[in-house]
C-alpha cells in the first residue's frame, strides 16, 4: 500500500492524488512536522486527529487508524524535500495553503514555538509553492484560534 503511494508521489509527473492517498500523504506530513522538535507530544497527536477529522469527516476509530498509517508512512517516506515536492505536484494551490495552515496548527499545538519547526515550515511552504506571506498569514490565523 505505502509502496504504491510513494511510487505515485515520486513519479516523474505525479497525477493528482486520489482521496485516500491524498489523505494519507497529508497525515504523514502532519506527523513529520509534529516530530521535528524531537517530541511527539500528546497535544500534537490530538491536533493531527482533529485536523483529519474536520477535513475528512472521519470518526474516532477511522482517524486513529489513519494516523497510525501516517506514522508508518512518515518513517518510510523519502526525505522531506522530495516528499513535499511530490505533494505539491499532486495537490492544487488552494489545498496547499490549507495544508500550510494545518501544519502550523500542529507545530504550535504544544504551545512552544520551536526554531526547528519554524525552519521546517519555511521549507515546506517554499516546496509547496506557498509564499512566505501566505504562510505567515496562515500562522497568524492559527495563533488566533
N, C-alpha and C. Protein backbone atom coordinates (compact mmCIF):
# COMPACT_ATOMS: atom_id res chain seq x y z
N UNK A 1 0.83 -1.19 0.00
CA UNK A 1 0.00 0.00 0.00
C UNK A 1 0.87 1.25 0.00
N UNK A 2 1.82 1.36 0.94
CA UNK A 2 2.68 2.54 1.01
C UNK A 2 3.58 2.61 -0.20
N UNK A 3 4.03 1.47 -0.67
CA UNK A 3 4.93 1.45 -1.82
C UNK A 3 4.24 2.06 -3.04
N UNK A 4 2.98 1.73 -3.27
CA UNK A 4 2.25 2.30 -4.41
C UNK A 4 2.08 3.81 -4.26
N UNK A 5 1.76 4.26 -3.07
CA UNK A 5 1.60 5.69 -2.84
C UNK A 5 2.92 6.41 -3.05
N UNK A 6 4.00 5.90 -2.48
CA UNK A 6 5.31 6.53 -2.64
C UNK A 6 5.74 6.52 -4.10
N UNK A 7 5.51 5.43 -4.79
CA UNK A 7 5.86 5.33 -6.21
C UNK A 7 5.08 6.39 -7.00
N UNK A 8 3.80 6.54 -6.69
CA UNK A 8 2.99 7.54 -7.37
C UNK A 8 3.43 8.96 -7.06
N UNK A 9 3.78 9.21 -5.81
CA UNK A 9 4.24 10.55 -5.43
C UNK A 9 5.57 10.90 -6.07
N UNK A 10 6.41 9.91 -6.26
CA UNK A 10 7.75 10.18 -6.76
C UNK A 10 7.89 9.94 -8.26
N UNK A 11 6.78 9.69 -8.94
CA UNK A 11 6.81 9.52 -10.39
C UNK A 11 7.27 10.82 -11.04
N UNK A 12 7.86 10.75 -12.24
CA UNK A 12 8.33 11.97 -12.92
C UNK A 12 7.23 13.02 -13.08
N UNK A 13 6.01 12.61 -13.33
CA UNK A 13 4.89 13.55 -13.47
C UNK A 13 3.73 13.03 -12.64
N UNK A 14 3.74 13.31 -11.31
CA UNK A 14 2.68 12.75 -10.47
C UNK A 14 1.30 13.23 -10.89
N UNK A 15 0.36 12.33 -10.84
CA UNK A 15 -1.03 12.66 -11.08
C UNK A 15 -1.63 13.26 -9.81
N UNK A 16 -2.77 13.91 -9.94
CA UNK A 16 -3.47 14.36 -8.74
C UNK A 16 -3.81 13.14 -7.91
N UNK A 17 -3.54 13.24 -6.60
CA UNK A 17 -3.73 12.08 -5.73
C UNK A 17 -5.21 11.77 -5.54
N UNK A 18 -5.58 10.48 -5.60
CA UNK A 18 -6.95 10.12 -5.24
C UNK A 18 -7.15 10.35 -3.75
N UNK A 19 -8.37 10.52 -3.33
CA UNK A 19 -8.69 10.91 -1.95
C UNK A 19 -7.99 10.08 -0.86
N UNK A 20 -8.05 8.76 -0.90
CA UNK A 20 -7.39 8.04 0.21
C UNK A 20 -5.89 8.32 0.29
N UNK A 21 -5.23 8.43 -0.87
CA UNK A 21 -3.79 8.69 -0.88
C UNK A 21 -3.48 10.12 -0.45
N UNK A 22 -4.28 11.07 -0.89
CA UNK A 22 -4.07 12.46 -0.51
C UNK A 22 -4.23 12.62 1.00
N UNK A 23 -5.22 11.96 1.54
CA UNK A 23 -5.44 11.98 2.99
C UNK A 23 -4.24 11.45 3.73
N UNK A 24 -3.73 10.33 3.28
CA UNK A 24 -2.59 9.69 3.93
C UNK A 24 -1.32 10.53 3.79
N UNK A 25 -1.10 11.10 2.62
CA UNK A 25 0.09 11.94 2.41
C UNK A 25 0.05 13.16 3.32
N UNK A 26 -1.09 13.81 3.43
CA UNK A 26 -1.22 14.96 4.32
C UNK A 26 -0.99 14.53 5.76
N UNK A 27 -1.58 13.44 6.16
CA UNK A 27 -1.42 12.96 7.53
C UNK A 27 0.04 12.68 7.84
N UNK A 28 0.77 12.09 6.90
CA UNK A 28 2.19 11.80 7.11
C UNK A 28 3.00 13.09 7.24
N UNK A 29 2.65 14.10 6.47
CA UNK A 29 3.34 15.38 6.57
C UNK A 29 3.06 16.04 7.92
N UNK A 30 1.83 15.93 8.39
CA UNK A 30 1.49 16.45 9.72
C UNK A 30 2.32 15.75 10.80
N UNK A 31 2.46 14.45 10.68
CA UNK A 31 3.25 13.68 11.65
C UNK A 31 4.71 14.13 11.59
N UNK A 32 5.23 14.33 10.39
CA UNK A 32 6.62 14.75 10.24
C UNK A 32 6.86 16.08 10.93
N UNK A 33 5.94 17.02 10.79
CA UNK A 33 6.08 18.32 11.45
C UNK A 33 6.02 18.14 12.97
N UNK A 34 5.11 17.30 13.44
CA UNK A 34 4.97 17.08 14.88
C UNK A 34 6.25 16.51 15.49
N UNK A 35 6.96 15.70 14.75
CA UNK A 35 8.16 15.06 15.26
C UNK A 35 9.43 15.92 15.14
N UNK A 36 9.33 17.05 14.48
CA UNK A 36 10.50 17.87 14.17
C UNK A 36 11.27 18.31 15.40
N UNK A 37 10.58 18.65 16.47
CA UNK A 37 11.27 19.15 17.67
C UNK A 37 11.77 18.02 18.57
N UNK A 38 11.67 16.78 18.11
CA UNK A 38 12.16 15.65 18.89
C UNK A 38 11.13 15.09 19.85
N UNK A 39 9.99 15.74 19.96
CA UNK A 39 8.90 15.26 20.81
C UNK A 39 7.67 15.06 19.94
N UNK A 40 6.99 13.98 20.19
CA UNK A 40 5.71 13.74 19.51
C UNK A 40 4.66 13.82 20.60
N UNK A 41 4.35 15.06 20.96
CA UNK A 41 3.52 15.35 22.14
C UNK A 41 2.06 14.94 21.93
N UNK A 42 1.42 14.63 23.04
CA UNK A 42 0.00 14.26 23.00
C UNK A 42 -0.85 15.36 22.38
N UNK A 43 -0.49 16.63 22.64
CA UNK A 43 -1.24 17.75 22.06
C UNK A 43 -1.12 17.74 20.53
N UNK A 44 0.04 17.35 20.04
CA UNK A 44 0.23 17.29 18.59
C UNK A 44 -0.56 16.14 17.98
N UNK A 45 -0.57 15.01 18.64
CA UNK A 45 -1.36 13.87 18.17
C UNK A 45 -2.83 14.25 18.13
N UNK A 46 -3.31 14.88 19.21
CA UNK A 46 -4.71 15.33 19.25
C UNK A 46 -5.02 16.30 18.13
N UNK A 47 -4.11 17.25 17.88
CA UNK A 47 -4.32 18.24 16.83
C UNK A 47 -4.35 17.57 15.46
N UNK A 48 -3.46 16.63 15.23
CA UNK A 48 -3.45 15.90 13.95
C UNK A 48 -4.80 15.20 13.76
N UNK A 49 -5.26 14.52 14.79
CA UNK A 49 -6.54 13.82 14.67
C UNK A 49 -7.70 14.79 14.46
N UNK A 50 -7.67 15.92 15.14
CA UNK A 50 -8.73 16.93 14.99
C UNK A 50 -8.75 17.47 13.55
N UNK A 51 -7.58 17.76 13.01
CA UNK A 51 -7.48 18.26 11.63
C UNK A 51 -8.02 17.23 10.66
N UNK A 52 -7.60 15.98 10.82
CA UNK A 52 -8.02 14.92 9.91
C UNK A 52 -9.52 14.65 10.02
N UNK A 53 -10.05 14.71 11.23
CA UNK A 53 -11.50 14.52 11.40
C UNK A 53 -12.27 15.62 10.69
N UNK A 54 -11.82 16.87 10.88
CA UNK A 54 -12.52 18.01 10.28
C UNK A 54 -12.41 18.00 8.75
N UNK A 55 -11.23 17.71 8.23
CA UNK A 55 -11.00 17.74 6.78
C UNK A 55 -11.71 16.61 6.06
N UNK A 56 -11.80 15.46 6.72
CA UNK A 56 -12.27 14.27 6.01
C UNK A 56 -13.52 13.63 6.61
N UNK A 57 -14.09 14.22 7.64
CA UNK A 57 -15.32 13.69 8.23
C UNK A 57 -15.17 12.29 8.81
N UNK A 58 -14.04 12.04 9.45
CA UNK A 58 -13.76 10.72 10.00
C UNK A 58 -14.25 10.61 11.43
N UNK A 59 -14.58 9.39 11.84
CA UNK A 59 -14.91 9.15 13.25
C UNK A 59 -13.62 8.85 14.02
N UNK A 60 -13.73 8.67 15.30
CA UNK A 60 -12.54 8.49 16.15
C UNK A 60 -11.74 7.25 15.75
N UNK A 61 -12.41 6.17 15.44
CA UNK A 61 -11.70 4.95 15.03
C UNK A 61 -10.97 5.17 13.70
N UNK A 62 -11.67 5.75 12.72
CA UNK A 62 -11.08 5.96 11.40
C UNK A 62 -9.87 6.89 11.47
N UNK A 63 -9.98 7.94 12.27
CA UNK A 63 -8.87 8.89 12.36
C UNK A 63 -7.68 8.27 13.08
N UNK A 64 -7.94 7.45 14.06
CA UNK A 64 -6.85 6.77 14.77
C UNK A 64 -6.13 5.81 13.82
N UNK A 65 -6.88 5.10 13.01
CA UNK A 65 -6.30 4.20 12.02
C UNK A 65 -5.48 4.98 10.97
N UNK A 66 -6.02 6.08 10.49
CA UNK A 66 -5.31 6.90 9.51
C UNK A 66 -4.02 7.45 10.10
N UNK A 67 -4.08 7.92 11.33
CA UNK A 67 -2.87 8.46 11.98
C UNK A 67 -1.81 7.38 12.12
N UNK A 68 -2.21 6.17 12.50
CA UNK A 68 -1.26 5.07 12.63
C UNK A 68 -0.61 4.75 11.28
N UNK A 69 -1.40 4.74 10.22
CA UNK A 69 -0.84 4.52 8.87
C UNK A 69 0.10 5.65 8.49
N UNK A 70 -0.26 6.87 8.84
CA UNK A 70 0.56 8.04 8.53
C UNK A 70 1.90 7.98 9.26
N UNK A 71 1.87 7.52 10.49
CA UNK A 71 3.12 7.39 11.26
C UNK A 71 4.05 6.39 10.57
N UNK A 72 3.49 5.31 10.05
CA UNK A 72 4.29 4.32 9.33
C UNK A 72 4.81 4.89 8.01
N UNK A 73 3.94 5.58 7.27
CA UNK A 73 4.36 6.19 6.01
C UNK A 73 5.44 7.24 6.24
N UNK A 74 5.30 8.02 7.28
CA UNK A 74 6.29 9.07 7.58
C UNK A 74 7.67 8.46 7.78
N UNK A 75 7.73 7.31 8.40
CA UNK A 75 9.01 6.61 8.62
C UNK A 75 9.58 6.15 7.28
N UNK A 76 8.72 5.65 6.39
CA UNK A 76 9.16 5.09 5.12
C UNK A 76 9.37 6.14 4.03
N UNK A 77 8.74 7.30 4.17
CA UNK A 77 8.78 8.32 3.13
C UNK A 77 10.20 8.84 2.93
N UNK A 78 10.51 9.25 1.72
CA UNK A 78 11.84 9.79 1.45
C UNK A 78 12.04 11.10 2.21
N UNK A 79 13.18 11.71 1.98
CA UNK A 79 13.47 12.96 2.66
C UNK A 79 12.33 13.97 2.44
N UNK A 80 12.24 14.91 3.33
CA UNK A 80 11.14 15.88 3.33
C UNK A 80 11.05 16.64 2.02
N UNK A 81 12.18 17.00 1.44
CA UNK A 81 12.17 17.79 0.21
C UNK A 81 11.47 17.02 -0.91
N UNK A 82 11.88 15.79 -1.16
CA UNK A 82 11.26 15.01 -2.24
C UNK A 82 9.80 14.71 -1.96
N UNK A 83 9.50 14.37 -0.72
CA UNK A 83 8.13 14.03 -0.34
C UNK A 83 7.20 15.23 -0.54
N UNK A 84 7.65 16.41 -0.09
CA UNK A 84 6.81 17.60 -0.17
C UNK A 84 6.67 18.09 -1.61
N UNK A 85 7.75 18.05 -2.37
CA UNK A 85 7.65 18.45 -3.79
C UNK A 85 6.67 17.55 -4.52
N UNK A 86 6.67 16.29 -4.19
CA UNK A 86 5.74 15.36 -4.83
C UNK A 86 4.30 15.72 -4.48
N UNK A 87 4.07 16.09 -3.23
CA UNK A 87 2.72 16.51 -2.83
C UNK A 87 2.32 17.76 -3.58
N UNK A 88 3.26 18.71 -3.71
CA UNK A 88 2.99 19.96 -4.44
C UNK A 88 2.51 19.67 -5.85
N UNK A 89 3.18 18.75 -6.53
CA UNK A 89 2.83 18.44 -7.90
C UNK A 89 1.47 17.76 -8.02
N UNK A 90 1.00 17.20 -6.94
CA UNK A 90 -0.24 16.43 -6.99
C UNK A 90 -1.44 17.13 -6.34
N UNK A 91 -1.22 18.30 -5.72
CA UNK A 91 -2.28 18.96 -4.96
C UNK A 91 -2.45 20.39 -5.47
N UNK A 92 -3.69 20.85 -5.72
CA UNK A 92 -3.90 22.22 -6.20
C UNK A 92 -3.50 23.27 -5.15
N UNK A 93 -3.16 24.49 -5.61
CA UNK A 93 -2.63 25.54 -4.73
C UNK A 93 -3.56 25.87 -3.57
N UNK A 94 -4.85 25.96 -3.80
CA UNK A 94 -5.75 26.33 -2.70
C UNK A 94 -5.70 25.30 -1.57
N UNK A 95 -5.51 24.04 -1.93
CA UNK A 95 -5.38 23.00 -0.91
C UNK A 95 -4.03 23.08 -0.22
N UNK A 96 -3.00 23.53 -0.95
CA UNK A 96 -1.67 23.66 -0.34
C UNK A 96 -1.64 24.75 0.72
N UNK A 97 -2.37 25.82 0.51
CA UNK A 97 -2.45 26.88 1.54
C UNK A 97 -3.14 26.33 2.78
N UNK A 98 -4.19 25.56 2.60
CA UNK A 98 -4.87 24.93 3.74
C UNK A 98 -3.95 23.93 4.44
N UNK A 99 -3.10 23.25 3.67
CA UNK A 99 -2.13 22.32 4.26
C UNK A 99 -1.15 23.08 5.15
N UNK A 100 -0.66 24.22 4.68
CA UNK A 100 0.27 25.02 5.49
C UNK A 100 -0.40 25.45 6.79
N UNK A 101 -1.65 25.86 6.72
CA UNK A 101 -2.37 26.24 7.94
C UNK A 101 -2.46 25.05 8.90
N UNK A 102 -2.76 23.88 8.37
CA UNK A 102 -2.84 22.69 9.21
C UNK A 102 -1.47 22.35 9.80
N UNK A 103 -0.42 22.51 9.02
CA UNK A 103 0.93 22.24 9.52
C UNK A 103 1.30 23.20 10.63
N UNK A 104 0.97 24.49 10.48
CA UNK A 104 1.21 25.45 11.56
C UNK A 104 0.42 25.07 12.80
N UNK A 105 -0.80 24.61 12.61
CA UNK A 105 -1.63 24.22 13.74
C UNK A 105 -0.97 23.10 14.55
N UNK A 106 -0.38 22.14 13.87
CA UNK A 106 0.32 21.06 14.55
C UNK A 106 1.59 21.57 15.22
N UNK A 107 2.35 22.38 14.49
CA UNK A 107 3.62 22.89 15.04
C UNK A 107 3.40 23.71 16.31
N UNK A 108 2.28 24.41 16.39
CA UNK A 108 2.01 25.26 17.54
C UNK A 108 1.14 24.59 18.60
N UNK A 109 0.73 23.34 18.37
CA UNK A 109 -0.20 22.65 19.27
C UNK A 109 0.34 22.48 20.68
N UNK A 110 1.65 22.30 20.83
CA UNK A 110 2.21 22.07 22.16
C UNK A 110 2.51 23.37 22.92
N UNK A 111 2.13 24.52 22.31
CA UNK A 111 2.32 25.80 22.97
C UNK A 111 3.73 26.34 22.89
N UNK A 112 4.61 25.64 22.20
CA UNK A 112 6.00 26.05 22.06
C UNK A 112 6.27 26.44 20.61
N UNK A 113 6.94 27.54 20.42
CA UNK A 113 7.38 27.95 19.09
C UNK A 113 8.83 27.53 18.96
N UNK A 114 9.08 26.44 18.27
CA UNK A 114 10.41 25.84 18.15
C UNK A 114 11.08 26.34 16.87
N UNK A 115 12.36 26.70 16.97
CA UNK A 115 13.10 27.21 15.80
C UNK A 115 13.18 26.15 14.70
N UNK A 116 13.33 24.89 15.07
CA UNK A 116 13.38 23.82 14.08
C UNK A 116 12.06 23.69 13.33
N UNK A 117 10.96 23.82 14.04
CA UNK A 117 9.65 23.76 13.39
C UNK A 117 9.46 24.97 12.47
N UNK A 118 9.88 26.15 12.94
CA UNK A 118 9.79 27.34 12.09
C UNK A 118 10.57 27.13 10.79
N UNK A 119 11.77 26.61 10.92
CA UNK A 119 12.61 26.37 9.75
C UNK A 119 11.96 25.36 8.81
N UNK A 120 11.43 24.27 9.37
CA UNK A 120 10.77 23.28 8.54
C UNK A 120 9.55 23.87 7.85
N UNK A 121 8.77 24.66 8.54
CA UNK A 121 7.58 25.26 7.93
C UNK A 121 7.96 26.22 6.81
N UNK A 122 9.05 26.96 6.96
CA UNK A 122 9.52 27.83 5.88
C UNK A 122 9.89 26.99 4.65
N UNK A 123 10.60 25.89 4.89
CA UNK A 123 10.98 24.99 3.80
C UNK A 123 9.74 24.39 3.14
N UNK A 124 8.82 23.88 3.95
CA UNK A 124 7.62 23.24 3.41
C UNK A 124 6.79 24.24 2.60
N UNK A 125 6.65 25.45 3.10
CA UNK A 125 5.90 26.48 2.37
C UNK A 125 6.51 26.69 1.00
N UNK A 126 7.82 26.86 0.99
CA UNK A 126 8.52 27.08 -0.27
C UNK A 126 8.34 25.89 -1.21
N UNK A 127 8.51 24.69 -0.69
CA UNK A 127 8.40 23.49 -1.52
C UNK A 127 6.98 23.27 -2.05
N UNK A 128 6.00 23.73 -1.27
CA UNK A 128 4.60 23.59 -1.69
C UNK A 128 4.15 24.74 -2.59
N UNK A 129 5.04 25.71 -2.84
CA UNK A 129 4.69 26.83 -3.70
C UNK A 129 3.82 27.86 -3.01
N UNK A 130 3.90 27.92 -1.70
CA UNK A 130 3.15 28.88 -0.90
C UNK A 130 4.13 29.98 -0.49
N UNK A 131 3.75 31.23 -0.67
CA UNK A 131 4.66 32.33 -0.37
C UNK A 131 4.86 32.49 1.13
N UNK A 132 5.95 33.16 1.51
CA UNK A 132 6.20 33.45 2.92
C UNK A 132 5.04 34.24 3.52
N UNK A 133 4.49 35.18 2.76
CA UNK A 133 3.36 35.98 3.25
C UNK A 133 2.14 35.09 3.51
N UNK A 134 1.83 34.20 2.58
CA UNK A 134 0.69 33.29 2.76
C UNK A 134 0.91 32.39 3.98
N UNK A 135 2.13 31.93 4.16
CA UNK A 135 2.45 31.09 5.31
C UNK A 135 2.32 31.88 6.61
N UNK A 136 2.81 33.11 6.60
CA UNK A 136 2.71 33.96 7.78
C UNK A 136 1.25 34.24 8.14
N UNK A 137 0.45 34.50 7.14
CA UNK A 137 -0.98 34.73 7.39
C UNK A 137 -1.65 33.46 7.93
N UNK A 138 -1.25 32.31 7.41
CA UNK A 138 -1.79 31.04 7.90
C UNK A 138 -1.42 30.85 9.37
N UNK A 139 -0.16 31.13 9.71
CA UNK A 139 0.29 31.01 11.10
C UNK A 139 -0.51 31.94 12.00
N UNK A 140 -0.71 33.16 11.57
CA UNK A 140 -1.49 34.12 12.38
C UNK A 140 -2.92 33.65 12.60
N UNK A 141 -3.53 33.08 11.55
CA UNK A 141 -4.89 32.56 11.71
C UNK A 141 -4.91 31.46 12.78
N UNK A 142 -3.92 30.60 12.75
CA UNK A 142 -3.83 29.51 13.73
C UNK A 142 -3.61 30.07 15.12
N UNK A 143 -2.74 31.05 15.26
CA UNK A 143 -2.45 31.63 16.57
C UNK A 143 -3.68 32.31 17.18
N UNK A 144 -4.58 32.82 16.34
CA UNK A 144 -5.80 33.48 16.83
C UNK A 144 -6.86 32.49 17.29
N UNK A 145 -6.75 31.23 16.86
CA UNK A 145 -7.77 30.22 17.22
C UNK A 145 -7.76 29.93 18.69
